[in-house]
């Protein structure tokens, strides 16, 4: 999955897109993005 190789900026943009725009309703994806972002912070 591309998130495994995405840099921090890509992950932050994706997570912001998911949460703020509400486009993605898949809770697993959102959790995975949050987990990746948290690990990199």
N, C-alpha and C. Protein backbone atom coordinates (compact mmCIF):
# COMPACT_ATOMS: atom_id res chain seq x y z
N UNK A 1 0.85 -1.20 0.00
CA UNK A 1 0.00 0.00 0.00
C UNK A 1 0.88 1.24 0.00
N UNK A 2 0.47 2.25 -0.74
CA UNK A 2 1.33 3.41 -0.93
C UNK A 2 1.61 4.17 0.37
N UNK A 3 0.73 4.05 1.37
CA UNK A 3 0.96 4.76 2.62
C UNK A 3 2.26 4.31 3.29
N UNK A 4 2.67 3.08 3.03
CA UNK A 4 3.89 2.57 3.66
C UNK A 4 5.13 3.32 3.18
N UNK A 5 5.06 3.90 1.97
CA UNK A 5 6.22 4.59 1.42
C UNK A 5 5.98 6.09 1.28
N UNK A 6 4.81 6.55 1.68
CA UNK A 6 4.50 7.98 1.56
C UNK A 6 5.32 8.77 2.58
N UNK A 7 5.73 9.97 2.16
CA UNK A 7 6.45 10.81 3.12
C UNK A 7 5.44 11.51 4.04
N UNK A 8 5.96 12.19 5.05
CA UNK A 8 5.08 12.76 6.08
C UNK A 8 4.10 13.77 5.48
N UNK A 9 4.56 14.61 4.55
CA UNK A 9 3.67 15.61 3.96
C UNK A 9 2.51 14.96 3.23
N UNK A 10 2.79 13.88 2.51
CA UNK A 10 1.72 13.17 1.79
C UNK A 10 0.71 12.60 2.78
N UNK A 11 1.20 12.04 3.87
CA UNK A 11 0.32 11.43 4.87
C UNK A 11 -0.54 12.51 5.53
N UNK A 12 0.07 13.63 5.87
CA UNK A 12 -0.69 14.72 6.50
C UNK A 12 -1.75 15.24 5.54
N UNK A 13 -1.38 15.41 4.26
CA UNK A 13 -2.36 15.89 3.28
C UNK A 13 -3.52 14.91 3.14
N UNK A 14 -3.20 13.62 3.09
CA UNK A 14 -4.24 12.61 2.94
C UNK A 14 -5.14 12.59 4.16
N UNK A 15 -4.55 12.65 5.35
CA UNK A 15 -5.36 12.60 6.56
C UNK A 15 -6.25 13.84 6.67
N UNK A 16 -5.71 15.00 6.31
CA UNK A 16 -6.52 16.22 6.33
C UNK A 16 -7.65 16.13 5.32
N UNK A 17 -7.36 15.58 4.14
CA UNK A 17 -8.38 15.42 3.11
C UNK A 17 -9.49 14.50 3.60
N UNK A 18 -9.10 13.39 4.22
CA UNK A 18 -10.09 12.43 4.72
C UNK A 18 -10.96 13.04 5.81
N UNK A 19 -10.34 13.68 6.77
CA UNK A 19 -11.08 14.14 7.95
C UNK A 19 -11.85 15.43 7.69
N UNK A 20 -11.22 16.39 7.02
CA UNK A 20 -11.85 17.70 6.83
C UNK A 20 -12.89 17.65 5.72
N UNK A 21 -12.54 17.02 4.60
CA UNK A 21 -13.47 16.96 3.47
C UNK A 21 -14.52 15.88 3.64
N UNK A 22 -14.21 14.90 4.47
CA UNK A 22 -15.17 13.83 4.74
C UNK A 22 -15.41 12.93 3.54
N UNK A 23 -14.42 12.84 2.66
CA UNK A 23 -14.60 12.03 1.45
C UNK A 23 -14.51 10.55 1.78
N UNK A 24 -13.53 10.19 2.60
CA UNK A 24 -13.33 8.79 2.93
C UNK A 24 -14.09 8.46 4.21
N UNK A 25 -14.92 7.44 4.14
CA UNK A 25 -15.68 7.02 5.32
C UNK A 25 -15.18 5.68 5.83
N UNK A 26 -14.03 5.23 5.31
CA UNK A 26 -13.46 3.94 5.72
C UNK A 26 -12.67 4.15 7.00
N UNK A 27 -13.18 3.69 8.15
CA UNK A 27 -12.50 3.94 9.43
C UNK A 27 -11.14 3.27 9.53
N UNK A 28 -10.96 2.15 8.82
CA UNK A 28 -9.67 1.48 8.86
C UNK A 28 -8.60 2.34 8.20
N UNK A 29 -8.93 2.91 7.05
CA UNK A 29 -7.97 3.79 6.36
C UNK A 29 -7.63 4.99 7.23
N UNK A 30 -8.66 5.59 7.82
CA UNK A 30 -8.43 6.77 8.65
C UNK A 30 -7.54 6.42 9.85
N UNK A 31 -7.80 5.27 10.48
CA UNK A 31 -6.96 4.85 11.61
C UNK A 31 -5.53 4.62 11.16
N UNK A 32 -5.37 3.98 10.00
CA UNK A 32 -4.02 3.70 9.50
C UNK A 32 -3.27 4.99 9.20
N UNK A 33 -3.95 5.95 8.62
CA UNK A 33 -3.32 7.24 8.32
C UNK A 33 -2.93 7.93 9.62
N UNK A 34 -3.83 7.92 10.59
CA UNK A 34 -3.54 8.56 11.87
C UNK A 34 -2.36 7.87 12.56
N UNK A 35 -2.33 6.55 12.50
CA UNK A 35 -1.24 5.80 13.12
C UNK A 35 0.09 6.16 12.47
N UNK A 36 0.12 6.19 11.13
CA UNK A 36 1.35 6.54 10.41
C UNK A 36 1.78 7.96 10.76
N UNK A 37 0.83 8.88 10.77
CA UNK A 37 1.15 10.27 11.05
C UNK A 37 1.71 10.40 12.46
N UNK A 38 1.09 9.70 13.41
CA UNK A 38 1.52 9.77 14.81
C UNK A 38 2.92 9.19 14.97
N UNK A 39 3.21 8.10 14.27
CA UNK A 39 4.53 7.48 14.37
C UNK A 39 5.62 8.42 13.85
N UNK A 40 5.28 9.24 12.86
CA UNK A 40 6.28 10.11 12.24
C UNK A 40 6.42 11.44 12.97
N UNK A 41 5.43 11.81 13.78
CA UNK A 41 5.50 13.11 14.47
C UNK A 41 6.60 13.13 15.52
